[in-house]
Amino acid sequence: MSESRLIELSYYAPKAETRLTAYVDTIILDHNEKGGIISAVRFGGYPENVRAMSDAIYGGATIEATQNGATHRIQSKLRGYQRVLGHDGIYATATLMATDDEQTADDQNDAEDADDAQEGQHTL
């Protein structure tokens, strides 16, 4: 039997008695002392499952990733992603990417000062 390149993501919420499954073709993990943390992921499936899995990841859930018999528990960051959802007929996709650190007002002022300084320079 050939090995699959897709990774099965599953999420189980005992209180809601809900189990979700989606299939990942791309996943990027960051690591810390607790293990893998999702930095970016792209998955697909039925629209309801894709939306629900996207919500679970966006909500900071712990997800199980299984590929070729190996299962790993990976974490997600609470509200730490930009989401793009799309669908074509009965197939849907979701892409979640970790958001960058927000710029502070000081950083924005520094950028504006640099732009003003460049505008004041002229070349002959």
PDB file of N, CA and C in Angstrom:
ATOM      1  N   MET A   1       0.840  -1.171   0.000  1.00  0.00           N
ATOM      2  CA  MET A   1       0.000   0.000   0.000  1.00  0.00           C
ATOM      3  C   MET A   1       0.894   1.246   0.000  1.00  0.00           C
ATOM      4  N   SER A   2       0.559   2.233  -0.848  1.00  0.00           N
ATOM      5  CA  SER A   2       1.362   3.441  -0.922  1.00  0.00           C
ATOM      6  C   SER A   2       1.023   4.369   0.240  1.00  0.00           C
ATOM      7  N   GLU A   3       2.006   5.157   0.635  1.00  0.00           N
ATOM      8  CA  GLU A   3       1.812   6.089   1.734  1.00  0.00           C
ATOM      9  C   GLU A   3       1.125   7.351   1.222  1.00  0.00           C
ATOM     10  N   SER A   4       0.171   7.842   1.983  1.00  0.00           N
ATOM     11  CA  SER A   4      -0.567   9.044   1.601  1.00  0.00           C
ATOM     12  C   SER A   4       0.239  10.285   1.944  1.00  0.00           C
ATOM     13  N   ARG A   5       0.131  11.285   1.103  1.00  0.00           N
ATOM     14  CA  ARG A   5       0.782  12.566   1.385  1.00  0.00           C
ATOM     15  C   ARG A   5      -0.142  13.477   2.180  1.00  0.00           C
ATOM     16  N   LEU A   6      -1.424  13.143   2.248  1.00  0.00           N
ATOM     17  CA  LEU A   6      -2.370  13.949   3.018  1.00  0.00           C
ATOM     18  C   LEU A   6      -2.275  13.596   4.496  1.00  0.00           C
ATOM     19  N   ILE A   7      -2.525  14.591   5.313  1.00  0.00           N
ATOM     20  CA  ILE A   7      -2.536  14.411   6.761  1.00  0.00           C
ATOM     21  C   ILE A   7      -3.972  14.577   7.229  1.00  0.00           C
ATOM     22  N   GLU A   8      -4.445  13.633   7.996  1.00  0.00           N
ATOM     23  CA  GLU A   8      -5.805  13.719   8.528  1.00  0.00           C
ATOM     24  C   GLU A   8      -5.790  14.533   9.811  1.00  0.00           C
ATOM     25  N   LEU A   9      -6.564  15.620   9.827  1.00  0.00           N
ATOM     26  CA  LEU A   9      -6.737  16.417  11.038  1.00  0.00           C
ATOM     27  C   LEU A   9      -8.032  15.987  11.688  1.00  0.00           C
ATOM     28  N   SER A  10      -8.011  15.807  12.991  1.00  0.00           N
ATOM     29  CA  SER A  10      -9.253  15.502  13.690  1.00  0.00           C
ATOM     30  C   SER A  10      -9.325  16.302  14.982  1.00  0.00           C
ATOM     31  N   TYR A  11     -10.532  16.642  15.329  1.00  0.00           N
ATOM     32  CA  TYR A  11     -10.807  17.420  16.527  1.00  0.00           C
ATOM     33  C   TYR A  11     -12.027  16.809  17.187  1.00  0.00           C
ATOM     34  N   TYR A  12     -11.965  16.663  18.515  1.00  0.00           N
ATOM     35  CA  TYR A  12     -13.091  16.117  19.254  1.00  0.00           C
ATOM     36  C   TYR A  12     -13.416  17.048  20.410  1.00  0.00           C
ATOM     37  N   ALA A  13     -14.685  17.445  20.495  1.00  0.00           N
ATOM     38  CA  ALA A  13     -15.173  18.278  21.592  1.00  0.00           C
ATOM     39  C   ALA A  13     -16.145  17.437  22.417  1.00  0.00           C
ATOM     40  N   PRO A  14     -15.707  16.900  23.556  1.00  0.00           N
ATOM     41  CA  PRO A  14     -16.565  16.013  24.350  1.00  0.00           C
ATOM     42  C   PRO A  14     -17.859  16.656  24.829  1.00  0.00           C
ATOM     43  N   LYS A  15     -17.796  17.938  25.244  1.00  0.00           N
ATOM     44  CA  LYS A  15     -19.008  18.596  25.741  1.00  0.00           C
ATOM     45  C   LYS A  15     -20.078  18.684  24.664  1.00  0.00           C
ATOM     46  N   ALA A  16     -19.650  19.018  23.449  1.00  0.00           N
ATOM     47  CA  ALA A  16     -20.591  19.155  22.335  1.00  0.00           C
ATOM     48  C   ALA A  16     -20.830  17.830  21.621  1.00  0.00           C
ATOM     49  N   GLU A  17     -20.069  16.800  22.028  1.00  0.00           N
ATOM     50  CA  GLU A  17     -20.134  15.492  21.375  1.00  0.00           C
ATOM     51  C   GLU A  17     -19.976  15.637  19.861  1.00  0.00           C
ATOM     52  N   THR A  18     -18.925  16.366  19.493  1.00  0.00           N
ATOM     53  CA  THR A  18     -18.664  16.657  18.088  1.00  0.00           C
ATOM     54  C   THR A  18     -17.281  16.161  17.706  1.00  0.00           C
ATOM     55  N   ARG A  19     -17.203  15.481  16.570  1.00  0.00           N
ATOM     56  CA  ARG A  19     -15.920  15.055  16.020  1.00  0.00           C
ATOM     57  C   ARG A  19     -15.834  15.594  14.599  1.00  0.00           C
ATOM     58  N   LEU A  20     -14.710  16.250  14.290  1.00  0.00           N
ATOM     59  CA  LEU A  20     -14.485  16.828  12.966  1.00  0.00           C
ATOM     60  C   LEU A  20     -13.265  16.181  12.330  1.00  0.00           C
ATOM     61  N   THR A  21     -13.310  16.060  11.008  1.00  0.00           N
ATOM     62  CA  THR A  21     -12.170  15.536  10.263  1.00  0.00           C
ATOM     63  C   THR A  21     -11.998  16.348   8.991  1.00  0.00           C
ATOM     64  N   ALA A  22     -10.752  16.677   8.673  1.00  0.00           N
ATOM     65  CA  ALA A  22     -10.410  17.365   7.429  1.00  0.00           C
ATOM     66  C   ALA A  22      -9.059  16.821   6.982  1.00  0.00           C
ATOM     67  N   TYR A  23      -8.716  17.056   5.722  1.00  0.00           N
ATOM     68  CA  TYR A  23      -7.464  16.528   5.182  1.00  0.00           C
ATOM     69  C   TYR A  23      -6.554  17.659   4.737  1.00  0.00           C
ATOM     70  N   VAL A  24      -5.332  17.651   5.284  1.00  0.00           N
ATOM     71  CA  VAL A  24      -4.349  18.711   5.085  1.00  0.00           C
ATOM     72  C   VAL A  24      -3.406  18.336   3.954  1.00  0.00           C
ATOM     73  N   ASP A  25      -3.152  19.307   3.052  1.00  0.00           N
ATOM     74  CA  ASP A  25      -2.100  19.086   2.061  1.00  0.00           C
ATOM     75  C   ASP A  25      -0.873  19.932   2.383  1.00  0.00           C
ATOM     76  N   THR A  26      -1.036  20.954   3.246  1.00  0.00           N
ATOM     77  CA  THR A  26       0.088  21.801   3.643  1.00  0.00           C
ATOM     78  C   THR A  26      -0.065  22.161   5.115  1.00  0.00           C
ATOM     79  N   ILE A  27       1.013  21.977   5.868  1.00  0.00           N
ATOM     80  CA  ILE A  27       1.007  22.403   7.271  1.00  0.00           C
ATOM     81  C   ILE A  27       2.418  22.857   7.643  1.00  0.00           C
ATOM     82  N   ILE A  28       2.482  23.976   8.352  1.00  0.00           N
ATOM     83  CA  ILE A  28       3.757  24.493   8.836  1.00  0.00           C
ATOM     84  C   ILE A  28       3.626  24.624  10.346  1.00  0.00           C
ATOM     85  N   LEU A  29       4.562  24.013  11.055  1.00  0.00           N
ATOM     86  CA  LEU A  29       4.526  24.022  12.512  1.00  0.00           C
ATOM     87  C   LEU A  29       5.704  24.801  13.077  1.00  0.00           C
ATOM     88  N   ASP A  30       5.457  25.438  14.195  1.00  0.00           N
ATOM     89  CA  ASP A  30       6.491  26.061  14.996  1.00  0.00           C
ATOM     90  C   ASP A  30       6.562  25.193  16.248  1.00  0.00           C
ATOM     91  N   HIS A  31       7.673  25.203  16.942  1.00  0.00           N
ATOM     92  CA  HIS A  31       7.786  24.348  18.126  1.00  0.00           C
ATOM     93  C   HIS A  31       8.145  25.178  19.348  1.00  0.00           C
ATOM     94  N   ASN A  32       7.596  24.761  20.486  1.00  0.00           N
ATOM     95  CA  ASN A  32       7.980  25.327  21.772  1.00  0.00           C
ATOM     96  C   ASN A  32       8.101  24.165  22.754  1.00  0.00           C
ATOM     97  N   GLU A  33       8.168  24.465  24.055  1.00  0.00           N
ATOM     98  CA  GLU A  33       8.354  23.412  25.054  1.00  0.00           C
ATOM     99  C   GLU A  33       7.175  22.446  25.128  1.00  0.00           C
ATOM    100  N   LYS A  34       6.005  22.853  24.673  1.00  0.00           N
ATOM    101  CA  LYS A  34       4.818  21.996  24.716  1.00  0.00           C
ATOM    102  C   LYS A  34       4.648  21.152  23.461  1.00  0.00           C
ATOM    103  N   GLY A  35       5.409  21.435  22.405  1.00  0.00           N
ATOM    104  CA  GLY A  35       5.286  20.673  21.165  1.00  0.00           C
ATOM    105  C   GLY A  35       5.015  21.565  19.974  1.00  0.00           C
ATOM    106  N   GLY A  36       4.322  21.001  18.978  1.00  0.00           N
ATOM    107  CA  GLY A  36       4.053  21.726  17.740  1.00  0.00           C
ATOM    108  C   GLY A  36       2.907  22.714  17.868  1.00  0.00           C
ATOM    109  N   ILE A  37       3.103  23.876  17.250  1.00  0.00           N
ATOM    110  CA  ILE A  37       2.072  24.906  17.195  1.00  0.00           C
ATOM    111  C   ILE A  37       1.859  25.246  15.724  1.00  0.00           C
ATOM    112  N   ILE A  38       0.610  25.308  15.297  1.00  0.00           N
ATOM    113  CA  ILE A  38       0.300  25.582  13.895  1.00  0.00           C
ATOM    114  C   ILE A  38       0.676  27.021  13.541  1.00  0.00           C
ATOM    115  N   SER A  39       1.528  27.166  12.510  1.00  0.00           N
ATOM    116  CA  SER A  39       1.847  28.491  11.970  1.00  0.00           C
ATOM    117  C   SER A  39       1.025  28.757  10.719  1.00  0.00           C
ATOM    118  N   ALA A  40       0.825  27.713   9.905  1.00  0.00           N
ATOM    119  CA  ALA A  40      -0.002  27.826   8.705  1.00  0.00           C
ATOM    120  C   ALA A  40      -0.530  26.444   8.365  1.00  0.00           C
ATOM    121  N   VAL A  41      -1.731  26.416   7.810  1.00  0.00           N
ATOM    122  CA  VAL A  41      -2.334  25.135   7.433  1.00  0.00           C
ATOM    123  C   VAL A  41      -3.330  25.368   6.302  1.00  0.00           C
ATOM    124  N   ARG A  42      -3.397  24.408   5.404  1.00  0.00           N
ATOM    125  CA  ARG A  42      -4.389  24.435   4.310  1.00  0.00           C
ATOM    126  C   ARG A  42      -5.044  23.064   4.271  1.00  0.00           C
ATOM    127  N   PHE A  43      -6.371  23.046   4.324  1.00  0.00           N
ATOM    128  CA  PHE A  43      -7.083  21.775   4.325  1.00  0.00           C
ATOM    129  C   PHE A  43      -8.391  21.899   3.570  1.00  0.00           C
ATOM    130  N   GLY A  44      -8.987  20.742   3.286  1.00  0.00           N
ATOM    131  CA  GLY A  44     -10.230  20.739   2.532  1.00  0.00           C
ATOM    132  C   GLY A  44     -11.156  19.625   2.967  1.00  0.00           C
ATOM    133  N   GLY A  45     -12.354  19.630   2.402  1.00  0.00           N
ATOM    134  CA  GLY A  45     -13.373  18.636   2.710  1.00  0.00           C
ATOM    135  C   GLY A  45     -14.752  19.214   2.457  1.00  0.00           C
ATOM    136  N   TYR A  46     -15.742  18.640   3.116  1.00  0.00           N
ATOM    137  CA  TYR A  46     -17.095  19.182   3.010  1.00  0.00           C
ATOM    138  C   TYR A  46     -17.153  20.563   3.654  1.00  0.00           C
ATOM    139  N   PRO A  47     -17.926  21.490   3.072  1.00  0.00           N
ATOM    140  CA  PRO A  47     -17.951  22.873   3.591  1.00  0.00           C
ATOM    141  C   PRO A  47     -18.230  22.992   5.091  1.00  0.00           C
ATOM    142  N   GLU A  48     -19.157  22.189   5.607  1.00  0.00           N
ATOM    143  CA  GLU A  48     -19.494  22.275   7.030  1.00  0.00           C
ATOM    144  C   GLU A  48     -18.310  21.873   7.894  1.00  0.00           C
ATOM    145  N   ASN A  49     -17.620  20.800   7.496  1.00  0.00           N
ATOM    146  CA  ASN A  49     -16.468  20.333   8.260  1.00  0.00           C
ATOM    147  C   ASN A  49     -15.311  21.318   8.184  1.00  0.00           C
ATOM    148  N   VAL A  50     -15.079  21.878   7.000  1.00  0.00           N
ATOM    149  CA  VAL A  50     -13.980  22.828   6.817  1.00  0.00           C
ATOM    150  C   VAL A  50     -14.215  24.070   7.663  1.00  0.00           C
ATOM    151  N   ARG A  51     -15.427  24.587   7.640  1.00  0.00           N
ATOM    152  CA  ARG A  51     -15.749  25.778   8.438  1.00  0.00           C
ATOM    153  C   ARG A  51     -15.597  25.481   9.926  1.00  0.00           C
ATOM    154  N   ALA A  52     -16.115  24.352  10.363  1.00  0.00           N
ATOM    155  CA  ALA A  52     -16.047  23.988  11.780  1.00  0.00           C
ATOM    156  C   ALA A  52     -14.602  23.749  12.224  1.00  0.00           C
ATOM    157  N   MET A  53     -13.791  23.072  11.402  1.00  0.00           N
ATOM    158  CA  MET A  53     -12.385  22.839  11.749  1.00  0.00           C
ATOM    159  C   MET A  53     -11.634  24.171  11.782  1.00  0.00           C
ATOM    160  N   SER A  54     -11.943  25.052  10.841  1.00  0.00           N
ATOM    161  CA  SER A  54     -11.345  26.383  10.820  1.00  0.00           C
ATOM    162  C   SER A  54     -11.675  27.129  12.106  1.00  0.00           C
ATOM    163  N   ASP A  55     -12.920  27.051  12.541  1.00  0.00           N
ATOM    164  CA  ASP A  55     -13.339  27.696  13.788  1.00  0.00           C
ATOM    165  C   ASP A  55     -12.616  27.094  14.993  1.00  0.00           C
ATOM    166  N   ALA A  56     -12.447  25.768  14.995  1.00  0.00           N
ATOM    167  CA  ALA A  56     -11.765  25.098  16.107  1.00  0.00           C
ATOM    168  C   ALA A  56     -10.308  25.547  16.194  1.00  0.00           C
ATOM    169  N   ILE A  57      -9.624  25.592  15.059  1.00  0.00           N
ATOM    170  CA  ILE A  57      -8.219  26.024  15.053  1.00  0.00           C
ATOM    171  C   ILE A  57      -8.126  27.486  15.462  1.00  0.00           C
ATOM    172  N   TYR A  58      -8.986  28.336  14.901  1.00  0.00           N
ATOM    173  CA  TYR A  58      -8.993  29.762  15.235  1.00  0.00           C
ATOM    174  C   TYR A  58      -9.283  29.964  16.724  1.00  0.00           C
ATOM    175  N   GLY A  59     -10.074  29.059  17.295  1.00  0.00           N
ATOM    176  CA  GLY A  59     -10.446  29.142  18.705  1.00  0.00           C
ATOM    177  C   GLY A  59      -9.416  28.571  19.662  1.00  0.00           C
ATOM    178  N   GLY A  60      -8.263  28.125  19.153  1.00  0.00           N
ATOM    179  CA  GLY A  60      -7.190  27.661  20.032  1.00  0.00           C
ATOM    180  C   GLY A  60      -7.248  26.200  20.422  1.00  0.00           C
ATOM    181  N   ALA A  61      -7.934  25.382  19.663  1.00  0.00           N
ATOM    182  CA  ALA A  61      -8.096  23.971  19.994  1.00  0.00           C
ATOM    183  C   ALA A  61      -6.813  23.162  19.802  1.00  0.00           C
ATOM    184  N   THR A  62      -6.760  22.028  20.490  1.00  0.00           N
ATOM    185  CA  THR A  62      -5.714  21.043  20.260  1.00  0.00           C
ATOM    186  C   THR A  62      -6.243  20.076  19.208  1.00  0.00           C
ATOM    187  N   ILE A  63      -5.456  19.844  18.174  1.00  0.00           N
ATOM    188  CA  ILE A  63      -5.863  19.040  17.034  1.00  0.00           C
ATOM    189  C   ILE A  63      -4.958  17.823  16.940  1.00  0.00           C
ATOM    190  N   GLU A  64      -5.507  16.704  16.491  1.00  0.00           N
ATOM    191  CA  GLU A  64      -4.686  15.520  16.228  1.00  0.00           C
ATOM    192  C   GLU A  64      -4.415  15.434  14.739  1.00  0.00           C
ATOM    193  N   ALA A  65      -3.156  15.221  14.397  1.00  0.00           N
ATOM    194  CA  ALA A  65      -2.746  15.065  13.005  1.00  0.00           C
ATOM    195  C   ALA A  65      -2.224  13.639  12.826  1.00  0.00           C
ATOM    196  N   THR A  66      -2.810  12.908  11.864  1.00  0.00           N
ATOM    197  CA  THR A  66      -2.430  11.523  11.625  1.00  0.00           C
ATOM    198  C   THR A  66      -1.993  11.343  10.183  1.00  0.00           C
ATOM    199  N   GLN A  67      -0.819  10.736  10.015  1.00  0.00           N
ATOM    200  CA  GLN A  67      -0.323  10.420   8.678  1.00  0.00           C
ATOM    201  C   GLN A  67       0.410   9.095   8.738  1.00  0.00           C
ATOM    202  N   ASN A  68       0.000   8.181   7.874  1.00  0.00           N
ATOM    203  CA  ASN A  68       0.631   6.863   7.767  1.00  0.00           C
ATOM    204  C   ASN A  68       0.777   6.169   9.121  1.00  0.00           C
ATOM    205  N   GLY A  69      -0.264   6.227   9.931  1.00  0.00           N
ATOM    206  CA  GLY A  69      -0.286   5.522  11.206  1.00  0.00           C
ATOM    207  C   GLY A  69       0.316   6.276  12.378  1.00  0.00           C
ATOM    208  N   ALA A  70       1.001   7.378  12.157  1.00  0.00           N
ATOM    209  CA  ALA A  70       1.579   8.168  13.246  1.00  0.00           C
ATOM    210  C   ALA A  70       0.641   9.326  13.588  1.00  0.00           C
ATOM    211  N   THR A  71       0.351   9.499  14.878  1.00  0.00           N
ATOM    212  CA  THR A  71      -0.551  10.559  15.332  1.00  0.00           C
ATOM    213  C   THR A  71       0.203  11.521  16.239  1.00  0.00           C
ATOM    214  N   HIS A  72      -0.008  12.821  16.003  1.00  0.00           N
ATOM    215  CA  HIS A  72       0.622  13.868  16.804  1.00  0.00           C
ATOM    216  C   HIS A  72      -0.443  14.858  17.239  1.00  0.00           C
ATOM    217  N   ARG A  73      -0.307  15.340  18.479  1.00  0.00           N
ATOM    218  CA  ARG A  73      -1.201  16.383  18.975  1.00  0.00           C
ATOM    219  C   ARG A  73      -0.515  17.721  18.751  1.00  0.00           C
ATOM    220  N   ILE A  74      -1.222  18.641  18.090  1.00  0.00           N
ATOM    221  CA  ILE A  74      -0.656  19.952  17.816  1.00  0.00           C
ATOM    222  C   ILE A  74      -1.589  21.033  18.356  1.00  0.00           C
ATOM    223  N   GLN A  75      -0.986  22.125  18.775  1.00  0.00           N
ATOM    224  CA  GLN A  75      -1.722  23.235  19.372  1.00  0.00           C
ATOM    225  C   GLN A  75      -1.994  24.309  18.325  1.00  0.00           C
ATOM    226  N   SER A  76      -2.988  25.126  18.593  1.00  0.00           N
ATOM    227  CA  SER A  76      -3.236  26.308  17.770  1.00  0.00           C
ATOM    228  C   SER A  76      -3.293  27.521  18.702  1.00  0.00           C
ATOM    229  N   LYS A  77      -3.105  28.695  18.126  1.00  0.00           N
ATOM    230  CA  LYS A  77      -3.104  29.939  18.909  1.00  0.00           C
ATOM    231  C   LYS A  77      -4.503  30.535  18.906  1.00  0.00           C
ATOM    232  N   LEU A  78      -5.003  30.873  20.056  1.00  0.00           N
ATOM    233  CA  LEU A  78      -6.323  31.479  20.182  1.00  0.00           C
ATOM    234  C   LEU A  78      -6.370  32.787  19.402  1.00  0.00           C
ATOM    235  N   ARG A  79      -7.246  32.872  18.421  1.00  0.00           N
ATOM    236  CA  ARG A  79      -7.458  34.052  17.569  1.00  0.00           C
ATOM    237  C   ARG A  79      -6.159  34.574  16.961  1.00  0.00           C
ATOM    238  N   GLY A  80      -5.246  33.673  16.643  1.00  0.00           N
ATOM    239  CA  GLY A  80      -3.948  34.086  16.137  1.00  0.00           C
ATOM    240  C   GLY A  80      -3.756  33.852  14.653  1.00  0.00           C
ATOM    241  N   TYR A  81      -4.850  33.793  13.877  1.00  0.00           N
ATOM    242  CA  TYR A  81      -4.737  33.444  12.466  1.00  0.00           C
ATOM    243  C   TYR A  81      -5.573  34.352  11.577  1.00  0.00           C
ATOM    244  N   GLN A  82      -5.103  34.487  10.351  1.00  0.00           N
ATOM    245  CA  GLN A  82      -5.918  35.062   9.284  1.00  0.00           C
ATOM    246  C   GLN A  82      -6.512  33.871   8.554  1.00  0.00           C
ATOM    247  N   ARG A  83      -7.796  33.946   8.231  1.00  0.00           N
ATOM    248  CA  ARG A  83      -8.461  32.823   7.572  1.00  0.00           C
ATOM    249  C   ARG A  83      -8.940  33.208   6.191  1.00  0.00           C
ATOM    250  N   VAL A  84      -8.788  32.264   5.263  1.00  0.00           N
ATOM    251  CA  VAL A  84      -9.349  32.404   3.924  1.00  0.00           C
ATOM    252  C   VAL A  84     -10.109  31.118   3.645  1.00  0.00           C
ATOM    253  N   LEU A  85     -11.410  31.242   3.443  1.00  0.00           N
ATOM    254  CA  LEU A  85     -12.258  30.087   3.146  1.00  0.00           C
ATOM    255  C   LEU A  85     -12.745  30.183   1.706  1.00  0.00           C
ATOM    256  N   GLY A  86     -12.817  29.069   1.042  1.00  0.00           N
ATOM    257  CA  GLY A  86     -13.329  29.039  -0.322  1.00  0.00           C
ATOM    258  C   GLY A  86     -13.988  27.702  -0.595  1.00  0.00           C
ATOM    259  N   HIS A  87     -14.847  27.666  -1.615  1.00  0.00           N
ATOM    260  CA  HIS A  87     -15.430  26.377  -1.975  1.00  0.00           C
ATOM    261  C   HIS A  87     -15.837  26.370  -3.432  1.00  0.00           C
ATOM    262  N   ASP A  88     -15.873  25.161  -3.957  1.00  0.00           N
ATOM    263  CA  ASP A  88     -16.264  24.919  -5.339  1.00  0.00           C
ATOM    264  C   ASP A  88     -17.222  23.736  -5.314  1.00  0.00           C
ATOM    265  N   GLY A  89     -18.491  24.023  -5.427  1.00  0.00           N
ATOM    266  CA  GLY A  89     -19.480  22.942  -5.343  1.00  0.00           C
ATOM    267  C   GLY A  89     -19.518  22.372  -3.937  1.00  0.00           C
ATOM    268  N   ILE A  90     -19.308  21.056  -3.830  1.00  0.00           N
ATOM    269  CA  ILE A  90     -19.380  20.424  -2.513  1.00  0.00           C
ATOM    270  C   ILE A  90     -18.026  20.296  -1.836  1.00  0.00           C
ATOM    271  N   TYR A  91     -16.966  20.862  -2.439  1.00  0.00           N
ATOM    272  CA  TYR A  91     -15.628  20.803  -1.854  1.00  0.00           C
ATOM    273  C   TYR A  91     -15.219  22.195  -1.382  1.00  0.00           C
ATOM    274  N   ALA A  92     -14.726  22.271  -0.164  1.00  0.00           N
ATOM    275  CA  ALA A  92     -14.308  23.554   0.395  1.00  0.00           C
ATOM    276  C   ALA A  92     -12.856  23.476   0.847  1.00  0.00           C
ATOM    277  N   THR A  93     -12.208  24.630   0.919  1.00  0.00           N
ATOM    278  CA  THR A  93     -10.843  24.707   1.430  1.00  0.00           C
ATOM    279  C   THR A  93     -10.747  25.835   2.448  1.00  0.00           C
ATOM    280  N   ALA A  94      -9.795  25.694   3.345  1.00  0.00           N
ATOM    281  CA  ALA A  94      -9.504  26.751   4.315  1.00  0.00           C
ATOM    282  C   ALA A  94      -7.997  26.900   4.405  1.00  0.00           C
ATOM    283  N   THR A  95      -7.546  28.136   4.461  1.00  0.00           N
ATOM    284  CA  THR A  95      -6.137  28.433   4.691  1.00  0.00           C
ATOM    285  C   THR A  95      -6.066  29.342   5.901  1.00  0.00           C
ATOM    286  N   LEU A  96      -5.302  28.927   6.899  1.00  0.00           N
ATOM    287  CA  LEU A  96      -5.099  29.744   8.086  1.00  0.00           C
ATOM    288  C   LEU A  96      -3.614  30.021   8.210  1.00  0.00           C
ATOM    289  N   MET A  97      -3.271  31.287   8.394  1.00  0.00           N
ATOM    290  CA  MET A  97      -1.874  31.695   8.558  1.00  0.00           C
ATOM    291  C   MET A  97      -1.753  32.523   9.823  1.00  0.00           C
ATOM    292  N   ALA A  98      -0.721  32.251  10.603  1.00  0.00           N
ATOM    293  CA  ALA A  98      -0.507  32.996  11.841  1.00  0.00           C
ATOM    294  C   ALA A  98      -0.357  34.476  11.522  1.00  0.00           C
ATOM    295  N   THR A  99      -0.992  35.302  12.321  1.00  0.00           N
ATOM    296  CA  THR A  99      -0.881  36.740  12.125  1.00  0.00           C
ATOM    297  C   THR A  99       0.447  37.208  12.697  1.00  0.00           C
ATOM    298  N   ASP A 100       1.010  38.226  12.070  1.00  0.00           N
ATOM    299  CA  ASP A 100       2.242  38.826  12.560  1.00  0.00           C
ATOM    300  C   ASP A 100       1.927  39.653  13.783  1.00  0.00           C
ATOM    301  N   ASP A 101       2.967  39.990  14.527  1.00  0.00           N
ATOM    302  CA  ASP A 101       2.781  40.874  15.679  1.00  0.00           C
ATOM    303  C   ASP A 101       2.247  42.204  15.193  1.00  0.00           C
ATOM    304  N   GLU A 102       1.330  42.758  15.957  1.00  0.00           N
ATOM    305  CA  GLU A 102       0.762  44.047  15.584  1.00  0.00           C
ATOM    306  C   GLU A 102       1.801  45.139  15.754  1.00  0.00           C
ATOM    307  N   GLN A 103       1.753  46.096  14.858  1.00  0.00           N
ATOM    308  CA  GLN A 103       2.658  47.223  14.975  1.00  0.00           C
ATOM    309  C   GLN A 103       2.154  48.153  16.068  1.00  0.00           C
ATOM    310  N   THR A 104       3.090  48.718  16.778  1.00  0.00           N
ATOM    311  CA  THR A 104       2.700  49.674  17.811  1.00  0.00           C
ATOM    312  C   THR A 104       2.612  51.061  17.186  1.00  0.00           C
ATOM    313  N   ALA A 105       2.022  51.997  17.888  1.00  0.00           N
ATOM    314  CA  ALA A 105       1.917  53.362  17.383  1.00  0.00           C
ATOM    315  C   ALA A 105       3.307  53.949  17.159  1.00  0.00           C
ATOM    316  N   ASP A 106       4.286  53.602  18.029  1.00  0.00           N
ATOM    317  CA  ASP A 106       5.651  54.103  17.865  1.00  0.00           C
ATOM    318  C   ASP A 106       6.252  53.611  16.550  1.00  0.00           C
ATOM    319  N   ASP A 107       6.040  52.327  16.218  1.00  0.00           N
ATOM    320  CA  ASP A 107       6.563  51.785  14.970  1.00  0.00           C
ATOM    321  C   ASP A 107       5.953  52.497  13.774  1.00  0.00           C
ATOM    322  N   GLN A 108       4.671  52.802  13.822  1.00  0.00           N
ATOM    323  CA  GLN A 108       4.009  53.478  12.713  1.00  0.00           C
ATOM    324  C   GLN A 108       4.522  54.909  12.575  1.00  0.00           C
ATOM    325  N   ASN A 109       4.747  55.591  13.705  1.00  0.00           N
ATOM    326  CA  ASN A 109       5.285  56.950  13.653  1.00  0.00           C
ATOM    327  C   ASN A 109       6.688  56.951  13.067  1.00  0.00           C
ATOM    328  N   ASP A 110       7.516  55.956  13.431  1.00  0.00           N
ATOM    329  CA  ASP A 110       8.866  55.850  12.884  1.00  0.00           C
ATOM    330  C   ASP A 110       8.819  55.654  11.374  1.00  0.00           C
ATOM    331  N   ALA A 111       7.897  54.838  10.903  1.00  0.00           N
ATOM    332  CA  ALA A 111       7.766  54.591   9.466  1.00  0.00           C
ATOM    333  C   ALA A 111       7.335  55.865   8.736  1.00  0.00           C
ATOM    334  N   GLU A 112       6.407  56.627   9.339  1.00  0.00           N
ATOM    335  CA  GLU A 112       5.967  57.881   8.723  1.00  0.00           C
ATOM    336  C   GLU A 112       7.106  58.892   8.680  1.00  0.00           C
ATOM    337  N   ASP A 113       7.920  58.966   9.756  1.00  0.00           N
ATOM    338  CA  ASP A 113       9.063  59.881   9.781  1.00  0.00           C
ATOM    339  C   ASP A 113      10.068  59.520   8.697  1.00  0.00           C
ATOM    340  N   ALA A 114      10.306  58.222   8.489  1.00  0.00           N
ATOM    341  CA  ALA A 114      11.242  57.775   7.462  1.00  0.00           C
ATOM    342  C   ALA A 114      10.713  58.142   6.077  1.00  0.00           C
ATOM    343  N   ASP A 115       9.404  58.001   5.847  1.00  0.00           N
ATOM    344  CA  ASP A 115       8.803  58.373   4.561  1.00  0.00           C
ATOM    345  C   ASP A 115       8.951  59.880   4.313  1.00  0.00           C
ATOM    346  N   ASP A 116       8.700  60.687   5.364  1.00  0.00           N
ATOM    347  CA  ASP A 116       8.829  62.140   5.241  1.00  0.00           C
ATOM    348  C   ASP A 116      10.270  62.522   4.918  1.00  0.00           C
ATOM    349  N   ALA A 117      11.226  61.853   5.547  1.00  0.00           N
ATOM    350  CA  ALA A 117      12.644  62.157   5.305  1.00  0.00           C
ATOM    351  C   ALA A 117      13.022  61.822   3.867  1.00  0.00           C
ATOM    352  N   GLN A 118      12.497  60.722   3.330  1.00  0.00           N
ATOM    353  CA  GLN A 118      12.804  60.341   1.950  1.00  0.00           C
ATOM    354  C   GLN A 118      12.188  61.323   0.959  1.00  0.00           C
ATOM    355  N   GLU A 119      10.991  61.834   1.265  1.00  0.00           N
ATOM    356  CA  GLU A 119      10.344  62.798   0.376  1.00  0.00           C
ATOM    357  C   GLU A 119      11.135  64.097   0.306  1.00  0.00           C
ATOM    358  N   GLY A 120      11.834  64.463   1.394  1.00  0.00           N
ATOM    359  CA  GLY A 120      12.595  65.688   1.438  1.00  0.00           C
ATOM    360  C   GLY A 120      13.906  65.597   0.684  1.00  0.00           C
ATOM    361  N   GLN A 121      14.336  64.379   0.324  1.00  0.00           N
ATOM    362  CA  GLN A 121      15.592  64.219  -0.405  1.00  0.00           C
ATOM    363  C   GLN A 121      15.342  64.323  -1.901  1.00  0.00           C
ATOM    364  N   HIS A 122      16.225  65.023  -2.574  1.00  0.00           N
ATOM    365  CA  HIS A 122      16.117  65.154  -4.024  1.00  0.00           C
ATOM    366  C   HIS A 122      17.434  64.736  -4.645  1.00  0.00           C
ATOM    367  N   THR A 123      17.369  64.148  -5.802  1.00  0.00           N
ATOM    368  CA  THR A 123      18.588  63.781  -6.517  1.00  0.00           C
ATOM    369  C   THR A 123      18.706  64.668  -7.751  1.00  0.00           C
ATOM    370  N   LEU A 124      19.905  64.990  -8.137  1.00  0.00           N
ATOM    371  CA  LEU A 124      20.147  65.836  -9.295  1.00  0.00           C
ATOM    372  C   LEU A 124      20.704  65.030 -10.424  1.00  0.00           C
TER     373      LEU A 124
END
